[in-house]
Amino acid sequence: MSDTPETRPSRRPLWMMVVALLLGALALWGASRLTWFAEFRDGGVRGTVLHSETGEQRSTALVPLALLALAGVAGLVATGGWMRRVLGVVLALAGVAAVWSGVAGVKFSGWADGLPVTEMLLGRGLAVLGGILVAAGGLAAVKGAGKAARLGAKYAAPATRKKVRDPDAELWEALSEGEDPTAARDRHSE
């Protein structure tokens, strides 16, 4: 049985999963570098000072989630079947956690003048976007675990062929494959 376009694993789902995870990891890492929280505080002798915290300080899970997404790329490429599905579920949950960390504690009004509001909303938005991409990559891995190509699949043993019952059809198949069907019969008769 040869690989037809219907039975051959497609590379497109795998590359889509990989790109989604890489972009999600990049967005989560970028979100961890931006300002997520800022407020004016009493600095004693210095007066009122601007206190700000980055995404990494405010939500310590961003960088580990980005690293998990990167490790997920290697896992998706190297695995297949049920292991890829389990990894996809883990990645989808990591994406949900990233979305939750981006949404938790956000406020859209009541800002004092002089605060980096745009950067704060951009940082949280990047975390939400990264989480969505990681979750999408994970869900695509769950759905397309059997369809996507995997590392080393090119070298996997081919499926066993069904025996052809008609001896004439066996002869024709042997000829079409470039074998001498009479040589095989001569060996069997000895």
N, C-alpha and C. Protein backbone atom coordinates (compact mmCIF):
# COMPACT_ATOMS: atom_id res chain seq x y z
N MET A 1 0.86 -1.18 0.00
CA MET A 1 0.00 0.00 0.00
C MET A 1 0.89 1.23 0.00
N SER A 2 0.81 2.03 -1.03
CA SER A 2 1.67 3.21 -1.12
C SER A 2 1.02 4.39 -0.42
N ASP A 3 1.86 5.38 -0.14
CA ASP A 3 1.34 6.59 0.50
C ASP A 3 0.62 7.43 -0.54
N THR A 4 -0.65 7.55 -0.40
CA THR A 4 -1.42 8.42 -1.26
C THR A 4 -1.57 9.75 -0.54
N PRO A 5 -1.95 10.80 -1.23
CA PRO A 5 -2.13 12.08 -0.55
C PRO A 5 -3.13 12.02 0.59
N GLU A 6 -4.08 11.06 0.54
CA GLU A 6 -5.07 10.97 1.61
C GLU A 6 -4.49 10.30 2.86
N THR A 7 -3.54 9.36 2.68
CA THR A 7 -3.00 8.62 3.83
C THR A 7 -1.67 9.16 4.32
N ARG A 8 -0.97 9.93 3.51
CA ARG A 8 0.33 10.44 3.89
C ARG A 8 0.17 11.57 4.91
N PRO A 9 1.02 11.59 5.96
CA PRO A 9 0.93 12.67 6.93
C PRO A 9 1.27 14.01 6.28
N SER A 10 0.55 15.02 6.65
CA SER A 10 0.75 16.35 6.09
C SER A 10 1.73 17.13 6.95
N ARG A 11 2.59 17.90 6.34
CA ARG A 11 3.54 18.73 7.08
C ARG A 11 2.92 20.06 7.50
N ARG A 12 1.85 20.47 6.83
CA ARG A 12 1.26 21.77 7.13
C ARG A 12 0.76 21.88 8.57
N PRO A 13 0.02 20.92 9.10
CA PRO A 13 -0.43 21.08 10.48
C PRO A 13 0.73 21.18 11.46
N LEU A 14 1.80 20.43 11.23
CA LEU A 14 2.95 20.48 12.13
C LEU A 14 3.59 21.86 12.10
N TRP A 15 3.77 22.41 10.91
CA TRP A 15 4.39 23.73 10.82
C TRP A 15 3.49 24.81 11.40
N MET A 16 2.20 24.65 11.26
CA MET A 16 1.28 25.63 11.84
C MET A 16 1.36 25.58 13.36
N MET A 17 1.45 24.36 13.93
CA MET A 17 1.59 24.23 15.38
C MET A 17 2.89 24.85 15.86
N VAL A 18 3.98 24.57 15.13
CA VAL A 18 5.29 25.08 15.52
C VAL A 18 5.32 26.60 15.46
N VAL A 19 4.79 27.17 14.40
CA VAL A 19 4.78 28.64 14.26
C VAL A 19 3.92 29.27 15.36
N ALA A 20 2.76 28.68 15.65
CA ALA A 20 1.91 29.22 16.71
C ALA A 20 2.63 29.19 18.05
N LEU A 21 3.32 28.10 18.35
CA LEU A 21 4.04 28.01 19.63
C LEU A 21 5.22 28.97 19.68
N LEU A 22 5.94 29.11 18.58
CA LEU A 22 7.08 30.04 18.57
C LEU A 22 6.62 31.49 18.72
N LEU A 23 5.57 31.86 18.01
CA LEU A 23 5.05 33.22 18.14
C LEU A 23 4.46 33.46 19.53
N GLY A 24 3.80 32.45 20.08
CA GLY A 24 3.27 32.56 21.43
C GLY A 24 4.37 32.73 22.46
N ALA A 25 5.45 31.96 22.31
CA ALA A 25 6.59 32.09 23.23
C ALA A 25 7.23 33.47 23.11
N LEU A 26 7.36 33.97 21.90
CA LEU A 26 7.93 35.30 21.69
C LEU A 26 7.04 36.38 22.30
N ALA A 27 5.74 36.26 22.14
CA ALA A 27 4.81 37.23 22.72
C ALA A 27 4.86 37.20 24.25
N LEU A 28 4.93 36.01 24.83
CA LEU A 28 5.00 35.90 26.29
C LEU A 28 6.30 36.49 26.82
N TRP A 29 7.40 36.23 26.12
CA TRP A 29 8.67 36.80 26.55
C TRP A 29 8.65 38.33 26.42
N GLY A 30 8.09 38.83 25.32
CA GLY A 30 7.98 40.28 25.15
C GLY A 30 7.10 40.91 26.20
N ALA A 31 6.02 40.24 26.55
CA ALA A 31 5.12 40.76 27.59
C ALA A 31 5.81 40.81 28.94
N SER A 32 6.72 39.88 29.18
CA SER A 32 7.42 39.88 30.47
C SER A 32 8.38 41.05 30.60
N ARG A 33 8.78 41.66 29.50
CA ARG A 33 9.73 42.77 29.53
C ARG A 33 9.05 44.14 29.62
N LEU A 34 7.77 44.20 29.31
CA LEU A 34 7.06 45.48 29.33
C LEU A 34 6.51 45.79 30.73
N THR A 35 6.17 47.05 30.93
CA THR A 35 5.60 47.48 32.21
C THR A 35 4.16 47.00 32.31
N TRP A 36 3.83 46.39 33.47
CA TRP A 36 2.48 45.89 33.70
C TRP A 36 1.76 46.67 34.78
N PHE A 37 2.51 47.30 35.64
CA PHE A 37 1.91 47.99 36.78
C PHE A 37 2.72 49.24 37.05
N ALA A 38 2.03 50.34 37.30
CA ALA A 38 2.70 51.59 37.65
C ALA A 38 1.76 52.42 38.51
N GLU A 39 2.36 53.05 39.50
CA GLU A 39 1.59 53.96 40.36
C GLU A 39 2.56 54.94 41.00
N PHE A 40 2.00 56.07 41.40
CA PHE A 40 2.80 57.05 42.13
C PHE A 40 2.73 56.71 43.60
N ARG A 41 3.92 56.69 44.23
CA ARG A 41 4.00 56.37 45.65
C ARG A 41 4.75 57.49 46.37
N ASP A 42 4.48 57.57 47.65
CA ASP A 42 5.17 58.56 48.49
C ASP A 42 6.59 58.04 48.73
N GLY A 43 7.55 58.82 48.29
CA GLY A 43 8.95 58.43 48.42
C GLY A 43 9.64 59.08 49.60
N GLY A 44 8.88 59.57 50.54
CA GLY A 44 9.48 60.22 51.71
C GLY A 44 10.15 61.52 51.32
N VAL A 45 11.45 61.60 51.50
CA VAL A 45 12.22 62.81 51.21
C VAL A 45 12.22 63.12 49.72
N ARG A 46 12.15 62.11 48.92
CA ARG A 46 12.19 62.32 47.46
C ARG A 46 10.85 62.80 46.91
N GLY A 47 9.83 62.77 47.69
CA GLY A 47 8.51 63.21 47.23
C GLY A 47 7.77 62.04 46.60
N THR A 48 6.91 62.35 45.67
CA THR A 48 6.14 61.31 44.99
C THR A 48 6.98 60.75 43.85
N VAL A 49 7.11 59.42 43.85
CA VAL A 49 7.91 58.76 42.80
C VAL A 49 7.04 57.76 42.06
N LEU A 50 7.43 57.49 40.83
CA LEU A 50 6.72 56.52 40.01
C LEU A 50 7.30 55.14 40.28
N HIS A 51 6.47 54.25 40.76
CA HIS A 51 6.88 52.86 40.98
C HIS A 51 6.26 52.02 39.87
N SER A 52 7.10 51.23 39.20
CA SER A 52 6.58 50.38 38.11
C SER A 52 7.15 48.98 38.25
N GLU A 53 6.39 48.02 37.73
CA GLU A 53 6.81 46.63 37.73
C GLU A 53 6.60 46.06 36.32
N THR A 54 7.56 45.24 35.90
CA THR A 54 7.45 44.60 34.58
C THR A 54 6.53 43.39 34.67
N GLY A 55 6.23 42.83 33.54
CA GLY A 55 5.39 41.63 33.51
C GLY A 55 6.05 40.47 34.24
N GLU A 56 7.36 40.38 34.16
CA GLU A 56 8.08 39.30 34.84
C GLU A 56 7.99 39.46 36.36
N GLN A 57 8.00 40.69 36.83
CA GLN A 57 7.87 40.93 38.27
C GLN A 57 6.44 40.74 38.74
N ARG A 58 5.51 41.14 37.92
CA ARG A 58 4.10 41.09 38.32
C ARG A 58 3.52 39.68 38.17
N SER A 59 3.89 38.99 37.12
CA SER A 59 3.40 37.63 36.87
C SER A 59 4.62 36.76 36.56
N THR A 60 5.11 36.07 37.55
CA THR A 60 6.36 35.32 37.39
C THR A 60 6.23 34.10 36.49
N ALA A 61 5.05 33.77 36.09
CA ALA A 61 4.84 32.58 35.25
C ALA A 61 5.09 32.85 33.76
N LEU A 62 5.24 34.10 33.35
CA LEU A 62 5.35 34.40 31.92
C LEU A 62 6.56 33.75 31.26
N VAL A 63 7.73 33.92 31.84
CA VAL A 63 8.94 33.36 31.23
C VAL A 63 8.91 31.84 31.26
N PRO A 64 8.54 31.19 32.38
CA PRO A 64 8.45 29.72 32.33
C PRO A 64 7.42 29.22 31.30
N LEU A 65 6.32 29.93 31.13
CA LEU A 65 5.34 29.52 30.12
C LEU A 65 5.91 29.69 28.72
N ALA A 66 6.70 30.74 28.50
CA ALA A 66 7.36 30.92 27.20
C ALA A 66 8.35 29.79 26.95
N LEU A 67 9.10 29.41 27.97
CA LEU A 67 10.05 28.29 27.83
C LEU A 67 9.33 26.97 27.61
N LEU A 68 8.19 26.79 28.25
CA LEU A 68 7.39 25.59 28.03
C LEU A 68 6.90 25.52 26.59
N ALA A 69 6.51 26.66 26.04
CA ALA A 69 6.07 26.69 24.65
C ALA A 69 7.22 26.33 23.71
N LEU A 70 8.42 26.82 24.02
CA LEU A 70 9.58 26.47 23.20
C LEU A 70 9.90 24.98 23.30
N ALA A 71 9.84 24.44 24.51
CA ALA A 71 10.08 23.01 24.68
C ALA A 71 8.98 22.21 23.99
N GLY A 72 7.77 22.76 23.96
CA GLY A 72 6.66 22.10 23.28
C GLY A 72 6.91 21.95 21.79
N VAL A 73 7.64 22.90 21.20
CA VAL A 73 7.99 22.78 19.78
C VAL A 73 8.80 21.52 19.55
N ALA A 74 9.83 21.33 20.36
CA ALA A 74 10.66 20.13 20.22
C ALA A 74 9.83 18.87 20.48
N GLY A 75 8.96 18.92 21.47
CA GLY A 75 8.13 17.77 21.78
C GLY A 75 7.17 17.42 20.67
N LEU A 76 6.58 18.42 20.04
CA LEU A 76 5.64 18.16 18.95
C LEU A 76 6.35 17.57 17.73
N VAL A 77 7.55 18.05 17.47
CA VAL A 77 8.29 17.54 16.32
C VAL A 77 8.74 16.11 16.56
N ALA A 78 9.10 15.79 17.78
CA ALA A 78 9.69 14.47 18.08
C ALA A 78 8.65 13.39 18.37
N THR A 79 7.43 13.76 18.75
CA THR A 79 6.47 12.74 19.15
C THR A 79 5.35 12.60 18.14
N GLY A 80 4.51 11.66 18.40
CA GLY A 80 3.33 11.44 17.57
C GLY A 80 2.31 10.64 18.37
N GLY A 81 1.11 10.56 17.84
CA GLY A 81 0.07 9.76 18.48
C GLY A 81 -0.37 10.29 19.81
N TRP A 82 -0.53 9.39 20.78
CA TRP A 82 -1.08 9.78 22.08
C TRP A 82 -0.13 10.68 22.86
N MET A 83 1.19 10.53 22.66
CA MET A 83 2.13 11.41 23.37
C MET A 83 1.98 12.86 22.88
N ARG A 84 1.75 13.03 21.60
CA ARG A 84 1.54 14.38 21.07
C ARG A 84 0.23 14.96 21.58
N ARG A 85 -0.78 14.11 21.76
CA ARG A 85 -2.06 14.59 22.30
C ARG A 85 -1.89 15.06 23.75
N VAL A 86 -1.16 14.28 24.55
CA VAL A 86 -0.93 14.67 25.95
C VAL A 86 -0.16 15.99 26.00
N LEU A 87 0.86 16.11 25.18
CA LEU A 87 1.63 17.36 25.12
C LEU A 87 0.75 18.51 24.67
N GLY A 88 -0.15 18.26 23.73
CA GLY A 88 -1.06 19.30 23.27
C GLY A 88 -1.98 19.78 24.38
N VAL A 89 -2.46 18.87 25.21
CA VAL A 89 -3.31 19.25 26.35
C VAL A 89 -2.52 20.12 27.33
N VAL A 90 -1.27 19.72 27.61
CA VAL A 90 -0.42 20.50 28.52
C VAL A 90 -0.19 21.90 27.96
N LEU A 91 0.07 21.99 26.66
CA LEU A 91 0.30 23.29 26.04
C LEU A 91 -0.98 24.14 26.03
N ALA A 92 -2.11 23.52 25.80
CA ALA A 92 -3.38 24.27 25.82
C ALA A 92 -3.63 24.83 27.22
N LEU A 93 -3.37 24.03 28.24
CA LEU A 93 -3.53 24.52 29.62
C LEU A 93 -2.54 25.64 29.93
N ALA A 94 -1.32 25.53 29.42
CA ALA A 94 -0.34 26.60 29.61
C ALA A 94 -0.80 27.88 28.93
N GLY A 95 -1.42 27.75 27.76
CA GLY A 95 -1.95 28.93 27.07
C GLY A 95 -3.07 29.58 27.86
N VAL A 96 -3.94 28.77 28.45
CA VAL A 96 -5.02 29.32 29.28
C VAL A 96 -4.43 30.04 30.49
N ALA A 97 -3.38 29.47 31.09
CA ALA A 97 -2.73 30.11 32.24
C ALA A 97 -2.12 31.45 31.83
N ALA A 98 -1.55 31.52 30.64
CA ALA A 98 -0.96 32.78 30.17
C ALA A 98 -2.04 33.82 29.92
N VAL A 99 -3.16 33.40 29.35
CA VAL A 99 -4.27 34.34 29.14
C VAL A 99 -4.78 34.85 30.49
N TRP A 100 -4.91 33.95 31.45
CA TRP A 100 -5.39 34.34 32.77
C TRP A 100 -4.43 35.34 33.42
N SER A 101 -3.13 35.11 33.31
CA SER A 101 -2.18 36.04 33.92
C SER A 101 -2.21 37.40 33.25
N GLY A 102 -2.54 37.44 31.97
CA GLY A 102 -2.64 38.72 31.27
C GLY A 102 -3.90 39.48 31.62
N VAL A 103 -4.97 38.77 31.93
CA VAL A 103 -6.26 39.41 32.20
C VAL A 103 -6.42 39.77 33.68
N ALA A 104 -5.86 38.95 34.56
CA ALA A 104 -6.04 39.16 36.00
C ALA A 104 -5.44 40.48 36.45
N GLY A 105 -6.25 41.29 37.05
CA GLY A 105 -5.79 42.55 37.63
C GLY A 105 -5.72 43.73 36.69
N VAL A 106 -6.19 43.58 35.47
CA VAL A 106 -6.14 44.70 34.53
C VAL A 106 -7.29 45.66 34.82
N LYS A 107 -7.01 46.94 34.68
CA LYS A 107 -8.08 47.94 34.80
C LYS A 107 -7.98 48.89 33.61
N PHE A 108 -9.12 49.36 33.18
CA PHE A 108 -9.17 50.17 31.97
C PHE A 108 -9.47 51.64 32.25
N SER A 109 -9.68 52.00 33.48
CA SER A 109 -9.97 53.41 33.78
C SER A 109 -9.36 53.77 35.14
N GLY A 110 -9.38 55.04 35.46
CA GLY A 110 -8.87 55.50 36.74
C GLY A 110 -7.36 55.68 36.76
N TRP A 111 -6.76 55.97 35.61
CA TRP A 111 -5.32 56.15 35.54
C TRP A 111 -4.94 57.58 35.88
N ALA A 112 -3.87 57.73 36.61
CA ALA A 112 -3.33 59.06 36.89
C ALA A 112 -2.51 59.53 35.69
N ASP A 113 -2.43 60.85 35.53
CA ASP A 113 -1.62 61.40 34.43
C ASP A 113 -0.15 61.06 34.66
N GLY A 114 0.56 60.76 33.58
CA GLY A 114 1.98 60.47 33.67
C GLY A 114 2.32 58.99 33.79
N LEU A 115 1.33 58.14 33.82
CA LEU A 115 1.59 56.70 33.89
C LEU A 115 1.72 56.13 32.48
N PRO A 116 2.56 55.11 32.30
CA PRO A 116 2.71 54.48 30.97
C PRO A 116 1.56 53.52 30.67
N VAL A 117 0.38 54.09 30.48
CA VAL A 117 -0.84 53.28 30.29
C VAL A 117 -0.75 52.42 29.04
N THR A 118 -0.26 52.99 27.95
CA THR A 118 -0.19 52.25 26.70
C THR A 118 0.71 51.04 26.84
N GLU A 119 1.86 51.21 27.49
CA GLU A 119 2.78 50.09 27.67
C GLU A 119 2.18 49.03 28.59
N MET A 120 1.45 49.47 29.59
CA MET A 120 0.83 48.50 30.50
C MET A 120 -0.23 47.66 29.78
N LEU A 121 -1.06 48.31 28.99
CA LEU A 121 -2.09 47.57 28.26
C LEU A 121 -1.48 46.72 27.15
N LEU A 122 -0.42 47.21 26.51
CA LEU A 122 0.27 46.45 25.48
C LEU A 122 0.91 45.19 26.08
N GLY A 123 1.53 45.32 27.24
CA GLY A 123 2.15 44.17 27.88
C GLY A 123 1.14 43.09 28.22
N ARG A 124 0.02 43.50 28.77
CA ARG A 124 -1.03 42.52 29.10
C ARG A 124 -1.67 41.95 27.84
N GLY A 125 -1.82 42.79 26.84
CA GLY A 125 -2.37 42.31 25.56
C GLY A 125 -1.45 41.29 24.89
N LEU A 126 -0.14 41.52 24.98
CA LEU A 126 0.81 40.55 24.42
C LEU A 126 0.74 39.22 25.17
N ALA A 127 0.55 39.29 26.48
CA ALA A 127 0.42 38.05 27.26
C ALA A 127 -0.83 37.29 26.84
N VAL A 128 -1.93 38.00 26.64
CA VAL A 128 -3.17 37.35 26.20
C VAL A 128 -2.99 36.76 24.80
N LEU A 129 -2.38 37.53 23.90
CA LEU A 129 -2.13 37.04 22.54
C LEU A 129 -1.22 35.81 22.56
N GLY A 130 -0.15 35.88 23.34
CA GLY A 130 0.75 34.74 23.45
C GLY A 130 0.05 33.52 24.01
N GLY A 131 -0.79 33.72 25.01
CA GLY A 131 -1.54 32.61 25.58
C GLY A 131 -2.49 32.00 24.57
N ILE A 132 -3.15 32.83 23.79
CA ILE A 132 -4.06 32.33 22.76
C ILE A 132 -3.29 31.51 21.72
N LEU A 133 -2.12 32.00 21.31
CA LEU A 133 -1.32 31.27 20.32
C LEU A 133 -0.82 29.93 20.87
N VAL A 134 -0.38 29.92 22.11
CA VAL A 134 0.10 28.67 22.72
C VAL A 134 -1.07 27.69 22.86
N ALA A 135 -2.22 28.19 23.31
CA ALA A 135 -3.40 27.32 23.44
C ALA A 135 -3.84 26.79 22.08
N ALA A 136 -3.80 27.65 21.06
CA ALA A 136 -4.18 27.21 19.71
C ALA A 136 -3.21 26.15 19.19
N GLY A 137 -1.92 26.35 19.43
CA GLY A 137 -0.94 25.34 19.02
C GLY A 137 -1.16 24.02 19.75
N GLY A 138 -1.50 24.09 21.03
CA GLY A 138 -1.76 22.88 21.79
C GLY A 138 -3.01 22.17 21.32
N LEU A 139 -4.06 22.92 21.07
CA LEU A 139 -5.31 22.31 20.59
C LEU A 139 -5.14 21.73 19.20
N ALA A 140 -4.36 22.40 18.36
CA ALA A 140 -4.07 21.85 17.03
C ALA A 140 -3.28 20.55 17.15
N ALA A 141 -2.41 20.47 18.15
CA ALA A 141 -1.65 19.23 18.36
C ALA A 141 -2.57 18.10 18.80
N VAL A 142 -3.55 18.43 19.62
CA VAL A 142 -4.50 17.40 20.06
C VAL A 142 -5.33 16.92 18.88
N LYS A 143 -5.80 17.86 18.08
CA LYS A 143 -6.67 17.51 16.95
C LYS A 143 -5.91 16.82 15.83
N GLY A 144 -4.73 17.32 15.51
CA GLY A 144 -3.99 16.80 14.36
C GLY A 144 -2.86 15.88 14.71
N ALA A 145 -2.92 15.20 15.85
CA ALA A 145 -1.81 14.35 16.28
C ALA A 145 -1.53 13.23 15.29
N GLY A 146 -2.55 12.69 14.69
CA GLY A 146 -2.34 11.60 13.75
C GLY A 146 -2.07 12.07 12.34
N LYS A 147 -2.47 13.28 12.01
CA LYS A 147 -2.33 13.77 10.64
C LYS A 147 -0.98 14.41 10.38
N ALA A 148 -0.38 15.01 11.39
CA ALA A 148 0.86 15.76 11.19
C ALA A 148 2.05 14.81 11.13
N ALA A 149 3.02 15.18 10.31
CA ALA A 149 4.24 14.40 10.20
C ALA A 149 5.01 14.48 11.51
N ARG A 150 5.90 13.53 11.71
CA ARG A 150 6.72 13.54 12.91
C ARG A 150 8.15 13.21 12.55
N LEU A 151 9.04 13.50 13.46
CA LEU A 151 10.45 13.26 13.25
C LEU A 151 10.70 11.77 13.06
N GLY A 152 11.42 11.43 12.01
CA GLY A 152 11.75 10.03 11.78
C GLY A 152 10.66 9.23 11.11
N ALA A 153 9.53 9.83 10.79
CA ALA A 153 8.44 9.08 10.15
C ALA A 153 8.85 8.60 8.77
N LYS A 154 9.79 9.29 8.15
CA LYS A 154 10.27 8.90 6.83
C LYS A 154 10.97 7.54 6.88
N TYR A 155 11.54 7.22 8.04
CA TYR A 155 12.30 5.99 8.16
C TYR A 155 11.53 4.88 8.88
N ALA A 156 10.28 5.12 9.18
CA ALA A 156 9.49 4.11 9.87
C ALA A 156 9.22 2.93 8.94
N ALA A 157 9.03 1.76 9.50
CA ALA A 157 8.76 0.57 8.70
C ALA A 157 7.42 0.72 8.00
N PRO A 158 7.37 0.34 6.73
CA PRO A 158 6.09 0.47 6.02
C PRO A 158 5.09 -0.54 6.56
N ALA A 159 3.85 -0.25 6.34
CA ALA A 159 2.78 -1.15 6.80
C ALA A 159 2.88 -2.45 6.02
N THR A 160 2.53 -3.52 6.66
CA THR A 160 2.59 -4.82 5.99
C THR A 160 1.54 -4.87 4.90
N ARG A 161 1.93 -5.47 3.80
CA ARG A 161 1.01 -5.56 2.67
C ARG A 161 0.06 -6.72 2.85
N LYS A 162 -1.11 -6.55 2.29
CA LYS A 162 -2.06 -7.67 2.26
C LYS A 162 -1.62 -8.62 1.15
N LYS A 163 -1.74 -9.90 1.43
CA LYS A 163 -1.39 -10.89 0.42
C LYS A 163 -2.44 -10.89 -0.68
N VAL A 164 -1.97 -10.92 -1.90
CA VAL A 164 -2.86 -11.01 -3.04
C VAL A 164 -3.19 -12.47 -3.25
N ARG A 165 -4.46 -12.78 -3.37
CA ARG A 165 -4.88 -14.18 -3.44
C ARG A 165 -4.74 -14.76 -4.86
N ASP A 166 -4.82 -13.91 -5.84
CA ASP A 166 -4.75 -14.39 -7.21
C ASP A 166 -3.28 -14.53 -7.62
N PRO A 167 -2.82 -15.73 -8.01
CA PRO A 167 -1.41 -15.90 -8.37
C PRO A 167 -1.01 -15.10 -9.59
N ASP A 168 -1.94 -14.92 -10.53
CA ASP A 168 -1.62 -14.12 -11.71
C ASP A 168 -1.40 -12.65 -11.32
N ALA A 169 -2.21 -12.18 -10.37
CA ALA A 169 -2.04 -10.79 -9.92
C ALA A 169 -0.71 -10.63 -9.19
N GLU A 170 -0.27 -11.68 -8.46
CA GLU A 170 1.04 -11.63 -7.80
C GLU A 170 2.16 -11.51 -8.82
N LEU A 171 2.04 -12.24 -9.92
CA LEU A 171 3.05 -12.17 -10.97
C LEU A 171 3.12 -10.78 -11.58
N TRP A 172 1.96 -10.20 -11.87
CA TRP A 172 1.92 -8.86 -12.45
C TRP A 172 2.47 -7.81 -11.49
N GLU A 173 2.15 -7.95 -10.19
CA GLU A 173 2.70 -7.01 -9.20
C GLU A 173 4.20 -7.13 -9.10
N ALA A 174 4.71 -8.36 -9.15
CA ALA A 174 6.16 -8.55 -9.09
C ALA A 174 6.82 -7.92 -10.31
N LEU A 175 6.22 -8.08 -11.48
CA LEU A 175 6.76 -7.46 -12.69
C LEU A 175 6.74 -5.93 -12.59
N SER A 176 5.65 -5.38 -12.09
CA SER A 176 5.54 -3.92 -12.01
C SER A 176 6.52 -3.34 -10.99
N GLU A 177 6.94 -4.17 -10.01
CA GLU A 177 7.92 -3.70 -9.03
C GLU A 177 9.35 -3.95 -9.50
N GLY A 178 9.52 -4.53 -10.68
CA GLY A 178 10.85 -4.74 -11.23
C GLY A 178 11.49 -6.05 -10.81
N GLU A 179 10.73 -6.97 -10.27
CA GLU A 179 11.26 -8.26 -9.84
C GLU A 179 10.96 -9.31 -10.90
N ASP A 180 11.75 -10.36 -10.89
CA ASP A 180 11.52 -11.49 -11.80
C ASP A 180 10.66 -12.50 -11.06
N PRO A 181 9.38 -12.63 -11.39
CA PRO A 181 8.50 -13.54 -10.66
C PRO A 181 8.87 -15.01 -10.84
N THR A 182 9.53 -15.33 -11.95
CA THR A 182 9.90 -16.73 -12.16
C THR A 182 11.07 -17.12 -11.26
N ALA A 183 11.93 -16.20 -10.92
CA ALA A 183 13.07 -16.52 -10.04
C ALA A 183 12.56 -16.89 -8.65
N ALA A 184 11.54 -16.24 -8.20
CA ALA A 184 10.98 -16.54 -6.88
C ALA A 184 10.32 -17.90 -6.89
N ARG A 185 9.65 -18.28 -7.99
CA ARG A 185 9.01 -19.59 -8.08
C ARG A 185 10.05 -20.69 -8.20
N ASP A 186 11.17 -20.39 -8.88
CA ASP A 186 12.21 -21.41 -9.02
C ASP A 186 12.81 -21.72 -7.65
N ARG A 187 13.00 -20.72 -6.81
CA ARG A 187 13.56 -20.94 -5.48
C ARG A 187 12.60 -21.75 -4.62
N HIS A 188 11.32 -21.52 -4.76
CA HIS A 188 10.33 -22.23 -3.95
C HIS A 188 10.21 -23.70 -4.37
N SER A 189 10.46 -23.99 -5.65
CA SER A 189 10.30 -25.36 -6.12
C SER A 189 11.49 -26.23 -5.78
N GLU A 190 12.63 -25.63 -5.42
CA GLU A 190 13.81 -26.42 -5.09
C GLU A 190 13.75 -27.02 -3.74
